[in-house]
Amino acid sequence: MDLDTVRAITDPLERAAAADRLMWERPAQGSAARAVRREAVLEAVAGGRAEEEVAAALRVEVRDVVLLTREPVLPGWAVPRPRATAPPAAAVVDLREAQDLRGGRDLVPRG
């Protein structure tokens, strides 16, 4: 069975199961078959199929079906980390233009 044949299956549960088998039988088509399986699972759940029924068709646990129906999260994108910010541009001072705030003297002698 090839990917086009799997995509042509009308029943989403049968399509998901066939895509799952294809993932293991033809590893070169694994990522494409994985996408077809996920779309079929989403279609089945949206069509009113119970998660237990989908899990039984795929021979997986219900929690696996729940994971398949969630939005994918890319590694490192789940929780953005705060970054150390650079000082504002105004804080960068040209010492040739700077003056001592205490007495108004130039920091760098002009000459």
PDB file of N, CA and C in Angstrom:
ATOM      1  N   MET A   1       0.857  -1.175   0.000  1.00  0.00           N
ATOM      2  CA  MET A   1       0.000   0.000   0.000  1.00  0.00           C
ATOM      3  C   MET A   1       0.904   1.239   0.000  1.00  0.00           C
ATOM      4  N   ASP A   2       0.530   2.245  -0.796  1.00  0.00           N
ATOM      5  CA  ASP A   2       1.312   3.474  -0.838  1.00  0.00           C
ATOM      6  C   ASP A   2       0.504   4.631  -0.251  1.00  0.00           C
ATOM      7  N   LEU A   3       1.116   5.779  -0.156  1.00  0.00           N
ATOM      8  CA  LEU A   3       0.500   6.930   0.497  1.00  0.00           C
ATOM      9  C   LEU A   3      -0.746   7.422  -0.239  1.00  0.00           C
ATOM     10  N   ASP A   4      -0.732   7.387  -1.566  1.00  0.00           N
ATOM     11  CA  ASP A   4      -1.907   7.822  -2.330  1.00  0.00           C
ATOM     12  C   ASP A   4      -3.108   6.912  -2.075  1.00  0.00           C
ATOM     13  N   THR A   5      -2.842   5.619  -1.952  1.00  0.00           N
ATOM     14  CA  THR A   5      -3.916   4.667  -1.651  1.00  0.00           C
ATOM     15  C   THR A   5      -4.489   4.937  -0.271  1.00  0.00           C
ATOM     16  N   VAL A   6      -3.615   5.248   0.686  1.00  0.00           N
ATOM     17  CA  VAL A   6      -4.063   5.549   2.053  1.00  0.00           C
ATOM     18  C   VAL A   6      -4.909   6.816   2.054  1.00  0.00           C
ATOM     19  N   ARG A   7      -4.457   7.838   1.350  1.00  0.00           N
ATOM     20  CA  ARG A   7      -5.220   9.097   1.290  1.00  0.00           C
ATOM     21  C   ARG A   7      -6.597   8.913   0.665  1.00  0.00           C
ATOM     22  N   ALA A   8      -6.745   7.916  -0.201  1.00  0.00           N
ATOM     23  CA  ALA A   8      -8.015   7.688  -0.898  1.00  0.00           C
ATOM     24  C   ALA A   8      -9.055   6.981  -0.025  1.00  0.00           C
ATOM     25  N   ILE A   9      -8.658   6.438   1.111  1.00  0.00           N
ATOM     26  CA  ILE A   9      -9.603   5.758   2.000  1.00  0.00           C
ATOM     27  C   ILE A   9     -10.551   6.793   2.585  1.00  0.00           C
ATOM     28  N   THR A  10     -11.848   6.556   2.452  1.00  0.00           N
ATOM     29  CA  THR A  10     -12.835   7.555   2.869  1.00  0.00           C
ATOM     30  C   THR A  10     -13.107   7.547   4.372  1.00  0.00           C
ATOM     31  N   ASP A  11     -13.122   6.384   4.994  1.00  0.00           N
ATOM     32  CA  ASP A  11     -13.388   6.313   6.431  1.00  0.00           C
ATOM     33  C   ASP A  11     -12.144   6.791   7.190  1.00  0.00           C
ATOM     34  N   PRO A  12     -12.284   7.838   8.029  1.00  0.00           N
ATOM     35  CA  PRO A  12     -11.100   8.376   8.699  1.00  0.00           C
ATOM     36  C   PRO A  12     -10.402   7.385   9.633  1.00  0.00           C
ATOM     37  N   LEU A  13     -11.172   6.493  10.280  1.00  0.00           N
ATOM     38  CA  LEU A  13     -10.539   5.512  11.163  1.00  0.00           C
ATOM     39  C   LEU A  13      -9.717   4.502  10.372  1.00  0.00           C
ATOM     40  N   GLU A  14     -10.250   4.044   9.260  1.00  0.00           N
ATOM     41  CA  GLU A  14      -9.498   3.116   8.406  1.00  0.00           C
ATOM     42  C   GLU A  14      -8.272   3.809   7.819  1.00  0.00           C
ATOM     43  N   ARG A  15      -8.443   5.084   7.431  1.00  0.00           N
ATOM     44  CA  ARG A  15      -7.320   5.839   6.869  1.00  0.00           C
ATOM     45  C   ARG A  15      -6.225   6.040   7.917  1.00  0.00           C
ATOM     46  N   ALA A  16      -6.625   6.349   9.147  1.00  0.00           N
ATOM     47  CA  ALA A  16      -5.645   6.536  10.223  1.00  0.00           C
ATOM     48  C   ALA A  16      -4.897   5.240  10.504  1.00  0.00           C
ATOM     49  N   ALA A  17      -5.625   4.137  10.549  1.00  0.00           N
ATOM     50  CA  ALA A  17      -4.983   2.840  10.806  1.00  0.00           C
ATOM     51  C   ALA A  17      -4.037   2.451   9.669  1.00  0.00           C
ATOM     52  N   ALA A  18      -4.453   2.707   8.429  1.00  0.00           N
ATOM     53  CA  ALA A  18      -3.598   2.387   7.284  1.00  0.00           C
ATOM     54  C   ALA A  18      -2.359   3.272   7.268  1.00  0.00           C
ATOM     55  N   ALA A  19      -2.517   4.542   7.606  1.00  0.00           N
ATOM     56  CA  ALA A  19      -1.369   5.450   7.664  1.00  0.00           C
ATOM     57  C   ALA A  19      -0.413   5.031   8.769  1.00  0.00           C
ATOM     58  N   ASP A  20      -0.966   4.562   9.881  1.00  0.00           N
ATOM     59  CA  ASP A  20      -0.135   4.088  10.987  1.00  0.00           C
ATOM     60  C   ASP A  20       0.701   2.880  10.554  1.00  0.00           C
ATOM     61  N   ARG A  21       0.074   1.947   9.858  1.00  0.00           N
ATOM     62  CA  ARG A  21       0.827   0.777   9.351  1.00  0.00           C
ATOM     63  C   ARG A  21       1.900   1.210   8.353  1.00  0.00           C
ATOM     64  N   LEU A  22       1.546   2.165   7.484  1.00  0.00           N
ATOM     65  CA  LEU A  22       2.489   2.638   6.481  1.00  0.00           C
ATOM     66  C   LEU A  22       3.716   3.293   7.120  1.00  0.00           C
ATOM     67  N   MET A  23       3.510   3.986   8.232  1.00  0.00           N
ATOM     68  CA  MET A  23       4.633   4.612   8.935  1.00  0.00           C
ATOM     69  C   MET A  23       5.700   3.590   9.294  1.00  0.00           C
ATOM     70  N   TRP A  24       5.263   2.392   9.678  1.00  0.00           N
ATOM     71  CA  TRP A  24       6.199   1.358  10.122  1.00  0.00           C
ATOM     72  C   TRP A  24       6.717   0.511   8.968  1.00  0.00           C
ATOM     73  N   GLU A  25       5.876   0.326   7.945  1.00  0.00           N
ATOM     74  CA  GLU A  25       6.282  -0.503   6.808  1.00  0.00           C
ATOM     75  C   GLU A  25       7.226   0.226   5.849  1.00  0.00           C
ATOM     76  N   ARG A  26       7.031   1.529   5.712  1.00  0.00           N
ATOM     77  CA  ARG A  26       7.854   2.327   4.790  1.00  0.00           C
ATOM     78  C   ARG A  26       8.373   3.560   5.517  1.00  0.00           C
ATOM     79  N   PRO A  27       9.469   3.407   6.240  1.00  0.00           N
ATOM     80  CA  PRO A  27       9.989   4.525   7.035  1.00  0.00           C
ATOM     81  C   PRO A  27      10.301   5.778   6.221  1.00  0.00           C
ATOM     82  N   ALA A  28      10.626   5.631   4.946  1.00  0.00           N
ATOM     83  CA  ALA A  28      10.921   6.803   4.108  1.00  0.00           C
ATOM     84  C   ALA A  28       9.697   7.708   3.972  1.00  0.00           C
ATOM     85  N   GLN A  29       8.508   7.133   4.095  1.00  0.00           N
ATOM     86  CA  GLN A  29       7.269   7.915   4.000  1.00  0.00           C
ATOM     87  C   GLN A  29       6.687   8.200   5.376  1.00  0.00           C
ATOM     88  N   GLY A  30       7.488   7.999   6.413  1.00  0.00           N
ATOM     89  CA  GLY A  30       7.002   8.118   7.784  1.00  0.00           C
ATOM     90  C   GLY A  30       6.400   9.457   8.135  1.00  0.00           C
ATOM     91  N   SER A  31       7.079  10.560   7.808  1.00  0.00           N
ATOM     92  CA  SER A  31       6.552  11.863   8.196  1.00  0.00           C
ATOM     93  C   SER A  31       5.277  12.212   7.425  1.00  0.00           C
ATOM     94  N   ALA A  32       5.214  11.855   6.158  1.00  0.00           N
ATOM     95  CA  ALA A  32       3.993  12.112   5.379  1.00  0.00           C
ATOM     96  C   ALA A  32       2.845  11.237   5.882  1.00  0.00           C
ATOM     97  N   ALA A  33       3.141   9.985   6.201  1.00  0.00           N
ATOM     98  CA  ALA A  33       2.106   9.087   6.731  1.00  0.00           C
ATOM     99  C   ALA A  33       1.637   9.557   8.103  1.00  0.00           C
ATOM    100  N   ARG A  34       2.563  10.079   8.890  1.00  0.00           N
ATOM    101  CA  ARG A  34       2.213  10.604  10.221  1.00  0.00           C
ATOM    102  C   ARG A  34       1.244  11.778  10.087  1.00  0.00           C
ATOM    103  N   ALA A  35       1.470  12.631   9.101  1.00  0.00           N
ATOM    104  CA  ALA A  35       0.576  13.769   8.873  1.00  0.00           C
ATOM    105  C   ALA A  35      -0.807  13.299   8.431  1.00  0.00           C
ATOM    106  N   VAL A  36      -0.851  12.285   7.561  1.00  0.00           N
ATOM    107  CA  VAL A  36      -2.139  11.731   7.109  1.00  0.00           C
ATOM    108  C   VAL A  36      -2.877  11.111   8.289  1.00  0.00           C
ATOM    109  N   ARG A  37      -2.139  10.398   9.145  1.00  0.00           N
ATOM    110  CA  ARG A  37      -2.764   9.779  10.322  1.00  0.00           C
ATOM    111  C   ARG A  37      -3.360  10.841  11.233  1.00  0.00           C
ATOM    112  N   ARG A  38      -2.608  11.909  11.494  1.00  0.00           N
ATOM    113  CA  ARG A  38      -3.097  12.964  12.382  1.00  0.00           C
ATOM    114  C   ARG A  38      -4.351  13.625  11.800  1.00  0.00           C
ATOM    115  N   GLU A  39      -4.327  13.934  10.499  1.00  0.00           N
ATOM    116  CA  GLU A  39      -5.497  14.540   9.859  1.00  0.00           C
ATOM    117  C   GLU A  39      -6.707  13.618   9.949  1.00  0.00           C
ATOM    118  N   ALA A  40      -6.489  12.321   9.760  1.00  0.00           N
ATOM    119  CA  ALA A  40      -7.592  11.356   9.827  1.00  0.00           C
ATOM    120  C   ALA A  40      -8.148  11.262  11.246  1.00  0.00           C
ATOM    121  N   VAL A  41      -7.268  11.286  12.238  1.00  0.00           N
ATOM    122  CA  VAL A  41      -7.723  11.241  13.636  1.00  0.00           C
ATOM    123  C   VAL A  41      -8.522  12.493  13.959  1.00  0.00           C
ATOM    124  N   LEU A  42      -8.032  13.651  13.543  1.00  0.00           N
ATOM    125  CA  LEU A  42      -8.775  14.900  13.777  1.00  0.00           C
ATOM    126  C   LEU A  42     -10.139  14.867  13.103  1.00  0.00           C
ATOM    127  N   GLU A  43     -10.187  14.337  11.879  1.00  0.00           N
ATOM    128  CA  GLU A  43     -11.458  14.226  11.146  1.00  0.00           C
ATOM    129  C   GLU A  43     -12.417  13.284  11.867  1.00  0.00           C
ATOM    130  N   ALA A  44     -11.898  12.172  12.364  1.00  0.00           N
ATOM    131  CA  ALA A  44     -12.748  11.199  13.063  1.00  0.00           C
ATOM    132  C   ALA A  44     -13.326  11.795  14.350  1.00  0.00           C
ATOM    133  N   VAL A  45     -12.496  12.469  15.117  1.00  0.00           N
ATOM    134  CA  VAL A  45     -12.968  13.067  16.374  1.00  0.00           C
ATOM    135  C   VAL A  45     -13.943  14.202  16.084  1.00  0.00           C
ATOM    136  N   ALA A  46     -13.633  15.024  15.080  1.00  0.00           N
ATOM    137  CA  ALA A  46     -14.544  16.110  14.710  1.00  0.00           C
ATOM    138  C   ALA A  46     -15.873  15.560  14.190  1.00  0.00           C
ATOM    139  N   GLY A  47     -15.835  14.373  13.598  1.00  0.00           N
ATOM    140  CA  GLY A  47     -17.046  13.738  13.082  1.00  0.00           C
ATOM    141  C   GLY A  47     -17.869  13.027  14.144  1.00  0.00           C
ATOM    142  N   GLY A  48     -17.418  13.105  15.389  1.00  0.00           N
ATOM    143  CA  GLY A  48     -18.200  12.541  16.481  1.00  0.00           C
ATOM    144  C   GLY A  48     -17.730  11.183  16.990  1.00  0.00           C
ATOM    145  N   ARG A  49     -16.657  10.661  16.452  1.00  0.00           N
ATOM    146  CA  ARG A  49     -16.137   9.376  16.941  1.00  0.00           C
ATOM    147  C   ARG A  49     -15.521   9.576  18.320  1.00  0.00           C
ATOM    148  N   ALA A  50     -15.769   8.639  19.198  1.00  0.00           N
ATOM    149  CA  ALA A  50     -15.217   8.715  20.550  1.00  0.00           C
ATOM    150  C   ALA A  50     -13.718   8.446  20.519  1.00  0.00           C
ATOM    151  N   GLU A  51     -13.010   9.074  21.444  1.00  0.00           N
ATOM    152  CA  GLU A  51     -11.559   8.865  21.521  1.00  0.00           C
ATOM    153  C   GLU A  51     -11.229   7.402  21.784  1.00  0.00           C
ATOM    154  N   GLU A  52     -12.086   6.726  22.537  1.00  0.00           N
ATOM    155  CA  GLU A  52     -11.877   5.300  22.820  1.00  0.00           C
ATOM    156  C   GLU A  52     -11.966   4.469  21.540  1.00  0.00           C
ATOM    157  N   GLU A  53     -12.909   4.831  20.676  1.00  0.00           N
ATOM    158  CA  GLU A  53     -13.069   4.124  19.402  1.00  0.00           C
ATOM    159  C   GLU A  53     -11.847   4.348  18.500  1.00  0.00           C
ATOM    160  N   VAL A  54     -11.373   5.580  18.468  1.00  0.00           N
ATOM    161  CA  VAL A  54     -10.189   5.899  17.661  1.00  0.00           C
ATOM    162  C   VAL A  54      -8.975   5.146  18.211  1.00  0.00           C
ATOM    163  N   ALA A  55      -8.829   5.133  19.532  1.00  0.00           N
ATOM    164  CA  ALA A  55      -7.706   4.431  20.160  1.00  0.00           C
ATOM    165  C   ALA A  55      -7.746   2.943  19.839  1.00  0.00           C
ATOM    166  N   ALA A  56      -8.924   2.357  19.867  1.00  0.00           N
ATOM    167  CA  ALA A  56      -9.045   0.930  19.560  1.00  0.00           C
ATOM    168  C   ALA A  56      -8.670   0.650  18.104  1.00  0.00           C
ATOM    169  N   ALA A  57      -9.068   1.533  17.193  1.00  0.00           N
ATOM    170  CA  ALA A  57      -8.751   1.331  15.774  1.00  0.00           C
ATOM    171  C   ALA A  57      -7.249   1.426  15.522  1.00  0.00           C
ATOM    172  N   LEU A  58      -6.570   2.286  16.277  1.00  0.00           N
ATOM    173  CA  LEU A  58      -5.131   2.466  16.093  1.00  0.00           C
ATOM    174  C   LEU A  58      -4.293   1.568  17.010  1.00  0.00           C
ATOM    175  N   ARG A  59      -4.979   0.863  17.913  1.00  0.00           N
ATOM    176  CA  ARG A  59      -4.299   0.011  18.905  1.00  0.00           C
ATOM    177  C   ARG A  59      -3.338   0.810  19.769  1.00  0.00           C
ATOM    178  N   VAL A  60      -3.849   1.942  20.254  1.00  0.00           N
ATOM    179  CA  VAL A  60      -3.081   2.800  21.152  1.00  0.00           C
ATOM    180  C   VAL A  60      -3.935   3.133  22.368  1.00  0.00           C
ATOM    181  N   GLU A  61      -3.348   3.829  23.308  1.00  0.00           N
ATOM    182  CA  GLU A  61      -4.084   4.284  24.496  1.00  0.00           C
ATOM    183  C   GLU A  61      -4.870   5.551  24.153  1.00  0.00           C
ATOM    184  N   VAL A  62      -5.902   5.819  24.924  1.00  0.00           N
ATOM    185  CA  VAL A  62      -6.719   7.021  24.716  1.00  0.00           C
ATOM    186  C   VAL A  62      -5.846   8.270  24.856  1.00  0.00           C
ATOM    187  N   ARG A  63      -4.898   8.248  25.781  1.00  0.00           N
ATOM    188  CA  ARG A  63      -4.034   9.419  25.965  1.00  0.00           C
ATOM    189  C   ARG A  63      -3.226   9.719  24.701  1.00  0.00           C
ATOM    190  N   ASP A  64      -2.911   8.674  23.921  1.00  0.00           N
ATOM    191  CA  ASP A  64      -2.204   8.897  22.657  1.00  0.00           C
ATOM    192  C   ASP A  64      -3.094   9.628  21.652  1.00  0.00           C
ATOM    193  N   VAL A  65      -4.363   9.293  21.645  1.00  0.00           N
ATOM    194  CA  VAL A  65      -5.314   9.979  20.764  1.00  0.00           C
ATOM    195  C   VAL A  65      -5.452  11.442  21.197  1.00  0.00           C
ATOM    196  N   VAL A  66      -5.486  11.669  22.493  1.00  0.00           N
ATOM    197  CA  VAL A  66      -5.571  13.040  23.004  1.00  0.00           C
ATOM    198  C   VAL A  66      -4.353  13.837  22.540  1.00  0.00           C
ATOM    199  N   LEU A  67      -3.178  13.231  22.616  1.00  0.00           N
ATOM    200  CA  LEU A  67      -1.964  13.911  22.155  1.00  0.00           C
ATOM    201  C   LEU A  67      -2.004  14.191  20.654  1.00  0.00           C
ATOM    202  N   LEU A  68      -2.558  13.264  19.888  1.00  0.00           N
ATOM    203  CA  LEU A  68      -2.648  13.461  18.436  1.00  0.00           C
ATOM    204  C   LEU A  68      -3.605  14.594  18.062  1.00  0.00           C
ATOM    205  N   THR A  69      -4.584  14.849  18.900  1.00  0.00           N
ATOM    206  CA  THR A  69      -5.582  15.862  18.575  1.00  0.00           C
ATOM    207  C   THR A  69      -5.213  17.242  19.102  1.00  0.00           C
ATOM    208  N   ARG A  70      -4.148  17.336  19.857  1.00  0.00           N
ATOM    209  CA  ARG A  70      -3.694  18.641  20.343  1.00  0.00           C
ATOM    210  C   ARG A  70      -2.869  19.334  19.272  1.00  0.00           C
ATOM    211  N   GLU A  71      -2.755  20.653  19.427  1.00  0.00           N
ATOM    212  CA  GLU A  71      -1.895  21.422  18.529  1.00  0.00           C
ATOM    213  C   GLU A  71      -0.451  21.005  18.772  1.00  0.00           C
ATOM    214  N   PRO A  72       0.310  20.819  17.715  1.00  0.00           N
ATOM    215  CA  PRO A  72       1.705  20.435  17.918  1.00  0.00           C
ATOM    216  C   PRO A  72       2.500  21.560  18.558  1.00  0.00           C
ATOM    217  N   VAL A  73       3.409  21.188  19.436  1.00  0.00           N
ATOM    218  CA  VAL A  73       4.281  22.156  20.090  1.00  0.00           C
ATOM    219  C   VAL A  73       5.705  21.825  19.701  1.00  0.00           C
ATOM    220  N   LEU A  74       6.383  22.797  19.148  1.00  0.00           N
ATOM    221  CA  LEU A  74       7.761  22.578  18.741  1.00  0.00           C
ATOM    222  C   LEU A  74       8.681  22.725  19.940  1.00  0.00           C
ATOM    223  N   PRO A  75       9.709  21.907  20.012  1.00  0.00           N
ATOM    224  CA  PRO A  75      10.631  22.005  21.144  1.00  0.00           C
ATOM    225  C   PRO A  75      11.216  23.407  21.255  1.00  0.00           C
ATOM    226  N   GLY A  76      11.226  23.922  22.478  1.00  0.00           N
ATOM    227  CA  GLY A  76      11.782  25.247  22.703  1.00  0.00           C
ATOM    228  C   GLY A  76      10.796  26.378  22.466  1.00  0.00           C
ATOM    229  N   TRP A  77       9.620  26.077  21.929  1.00  0.00           N
ATOM    230  CA  TRP A  77       8.637  27.118  21.653  1.00  0.00           C
ATOM    231  C   TRP A  77       7.513  27.125  22.668  1.00  0.00           C
ATOM    232  N   ALA A  78       7.487  26.159  23.556  1.00  0.00           N
ATOM    233  CA  ALA A  78       6.361  26.036  24.473  1.00  0.00           C
ATOM    234  C   ALA A  78       6.294  27.213  25.439  1.00  0.00           C
ATOM    235  N   VAL A  79       7.402  27.550  26.064  1.00  0.00           N
ATOM    236  CA  VAL A  79       7.423  28.636  27.023  1.00  0.00           C
ATOM    237  C   VAL A  79       8.547  29.580  26.637  1.00  0.00           C
ATOM    238  N   PRO A  80       8.212  30.762  26.149  1.00  0.00           N
ATOM    239  CA  PRO A  80       9.283  31.682  25.785  1.00  0.00           C
ATOM    240  C   PRO A  80      10.048  32.126  27.026  1.00  0.00           C
ATOM    241  N   ARG A  81      11.340  32.146  26.917  1.00  0.00           N
ATOM    242  CA  ARG A  81      12.177  32.560  28.043  1.00  0.00           C
ATOM    243  C   ARG A  81      12.497  34.042  27.899  1.00  0.00           C
ATOM    244  N   PRO A  82      12.526  34.746  29.032  1.00  0.00           N
ATOM    245  CA  PRO A  82      12.892  36.156  28.935  1.00  0.00           C
ATOM    246  C   PRO A  82      14.352  36.294  28.522  1.00  0.00           C
ATOM    247  N   ARG A  83      14.624  37.288  27.718  1.00  0.00           N
ATOM    248  CA  ARG A  83      15.988  37.520  27.253  1.00  0.00           C
ATOM    249  C   ARG A  83      16.584  38.701  28.002  1.00  0.00           C
ATOM    250  N   ALA A  84      17.873  38.650  28.155  1.00  0.00           N
ATOM    251  CA  ALA A  84      18.555  39.810  28.703  1.00  0.00           C
ATOM    252  C   ALA A  84      18.511  40.893  27.632  1.00  0.00           C
ATOM    253  N   THR A  85      18.055  42.058  28.009  1.00  0.00           N
ATOM    254  CA  THR A  85      17.920  43.113  27.017  1.00  0.00           C
ATOM    255  C   THR A  85      19.167  43.983  27.002  1.00  0.00           C
ATOM    256  N   ALA A  86      19.476  44.474  25.864  1.00  0.00           N
ATOM    257  CA  ALA A  86      20.604  45.382  25.719  1.00  0.00           C
ATOM    258  C   ALA A  86      20.195  46.740  26.275  1.00  0.00           C
ATOM    259  N   PRO A  87      21.136  47.502  26.734  1.00  0.00           N
ATOM    260  CA  PRO A  87      20.768  48.836  27.229  1.00  0.00           C
ATOM    261  C   PRO A  87      20.200  49.677  26.092  1.00  0.00           C
ATOM    262  N   PRO A  88      19.331  50.599  26.416  1.00  0.00           N
ATOM    263  CA  PRO A  88      18.783  51.447  25.358  1.00  0.00           C
ATOM    264  C   PRO A  88      19.901  52.226  24.674  1.00  0.00           C
ATOM    265  N   ALA A  89      19.657  52.596  23.459  1.00  0.00           N
ATOM    266  CA  ALA A  89      20.672  53.291  22.669  1.00  0.00           C
ATOM    267  C   ALA A  89      21.122  54.582  23.340  1.00  0.00           C
ATOM    268  N   ALA A  90      20.242  55.224  24.099  1.00  0.00           N
ATOM    269  CA  ALA A  90      20.593  56.474  24.763  1.00  0.00           C
ATOM    270  C   ALA A  90      21.661  56.268  25.834  1.00  0.00           C
ATOM    271  N   ALA A  91      21.800  55.060  26.341  1.00  0.00           N
ATOM    272  CA  ALA A  91      22.779  54.788  27.395  1.00  0.00           C
ATOM    273  C   ALA A  91      24.188  54.650  26.835  1.00  0.00           C
ATOM    274  N   VAL A  92      24.329  54.497  25.544  1.00  0.00           N
ATOM    275  CA  VAL A  92      25.641  54.405  24.922  1.00  0.00           C
ATOM    276  C   VAL A  92      26.136  55.834  24.724  1.00  0.00           C
ATOM    277  N   VAL A  93      27.234  56.151  25.371  1.00  0.00           N
ATOM    278  CA  VAL A  93      27.696  57.531  25.407  1.00  0.00           C
ATOM    279  C   VAL A  93      29.055  57.640  24.723  1.00  0.00           C
ATOM    280  N   ASP A  94      29.181  58.627  23.914  1.00  0.00           N
ATOM    281  CA  ASP A  94      30.474  58.932  23.311  1.00  0.00           C
ATOM    282  C   ASP A  94      31.240  59.772  24.324  1.00  0.00           C
ATOM    283  N   LEU A  95      32.342  59.258  24.852  1.00  0.00           N
ATOM    284  CA  LEU A  95      33.075  59.949  25.899  1.00  0.00           C
ATOM    285  C   LEU A  95      33.628  61.290  25.437  1.00  0.00           C
ATOM    286  N   ARG A  96      33.809  61.466  24.150  1.00  0.00           N
ATOM    287  CA  ARG A  96      34.302  62.760  23.668  1.00  0.00           C
ATOM    288  C   ARG A  96      33.256  63.844  23.843  1.00  0.00           C
ATOM    289  N   GLU A  97      31.984  63.442  23.913  1.00  0.00           N
ATOM    290  CA  GLU A  97      30.893  64.408  24.069  1.00  0.00           C
ATOM    291  C   GLU A  97      30.400  64.498  25.508  1.00  0.00           C
ATOM    292  N   ALA A  98      30.789  63.558  26.352  1.00  0.00           N
ATOM    293  CA  ALA A  98      30.260  63.492  27.709  1.00  0.00           C
ATOM    294  C   ALA A  98      30.912  64.521  28.615  1.00  0.00           C
ATOM    295  N   GLN A  99      30.131  64.943  29.601  1.00  0.00           N
ATOM    296  CA  GLN A  99      30.647  65.864  30.614  1.00  0.00           C
ATOM    297  C   GLN A  99      30.437  65.241  31.979  1.00  0.00           C
ATOM    298  N   ASP A 100      31.299  65.590  32.888  1.00  0.00           N
ATOM    299  CA  ASP A 100      31.150  65.155  34.273  1.00  0.00           C
ATOM    300  C   ASP A 100      29.912  65.848  34.831  1.00  0.00           C
ATOM    301  N   LEU A 101      28.956  65.095  35.330  1.00  0.00           N
ATOM    302  CA  LEU A 101      27.697  65.661  35.802  1.00  0.00           C
ATOM    303  C   LEU A 101      27.883  66.513  37.056  1.00  0.00           C
ATOM    304  N   ARG A 102      28.945  66.278  37.802  1.00  0.00           N
ATOM    305  CA  ARG A 102      29.135  67.034  39.043  1.00  0.00           C
ATOM    306  C   ARG A 102      29.649  68.452  38.804  1.00  0.00           C
ATOM    307  N   GLY A 103      30.481  68.614  37.827  1.00  0.00           N
ATOM    308  CA  GLY A 103      31.071  69.946  37.702  1.00  0.00           C
ATOM    309  C   GLY A 103      31.036  70.506  36.286  1.00  0.00           C
ATOM    310  N   GLY A 104      30.446  69.809  35.360  1.00  0.00           N
ATOM    311  CA  GLY A 104      30.362  70.309  34.011  1.00  0.00           C
ATOM    312  C   GLY A 104      31.664  70.235  33.244  1.00  0.00           C
ATOM    313  N   ARG A 105      32.661  69.515  33.787  1.00  0.00           N
ATOM    314  CA  ARG A 105      33.944  69.398  33.087  1.00  0.00           C
ATOM    315  C   ARG A 105      33.863  68.291  32.050  1.00  0.00           C
ATOM    316  N   ASP A 106      34.618  68.416  31.007  1.00  0.00           N
ATOM    317  CA  ASP A 106      34.715  67.369  29.986  1.00  0.00           C
ATOM    318  C   ASP A 106      35.417  66.168  30.579  1.00  0.00           C
ATOM    319  N   LEU A 107      34.923  64.991  30.278  1.00  0.00           N
ATOM    320  CA  LEU A 107      35.582  63.767  30.745  1.00  0.00           C
ATOM    321  C   LEU A 107      36.847  63.488  29.969  1.00  0.00           C
ATOM    322  N   VAL A 108      36.838  63.820  28.723  1.00  0.00           N
ATOM    323  CA  VAL A 108      38.017  63.648  27.878  1.00  0.00           C
ATOM    324  C   VAL A 108      38.484  65.051  27.500  1.00  0.00           C
ATOM    325  N   PRO A 109      39.711  65.360  27.890  1.00  0.00           N
ATOM    326  CA  PRO A 109      40.177  66.717  27.568  1.00  0.00           C
ATOM    327  C   PRO A 109      40.170  66.964  26.063  1.00  0.00           C
ATOM    328  N   ARG A 110      39.671  68.115  25.691  1.00  0.00           N
ATOM    329  CA  ARG A 110      39.663  68.487  24.268  1.00  0.00           C
ATOM    330  C   ARG A 110      40.942  69.245  23.980  1.00  0.00           C
ATOM    331  N   GLY A 111      41.447  68.997  22.861  1.00  0.00           N
ATOM    332  CA  GLY A 111      42.676  69.728  22.657  1.00  0.00           C
ATOM    333  C   GLY A 111      43.171  69.774  21.317  1.00  0.00           C
TER     334      GLY A 111
END
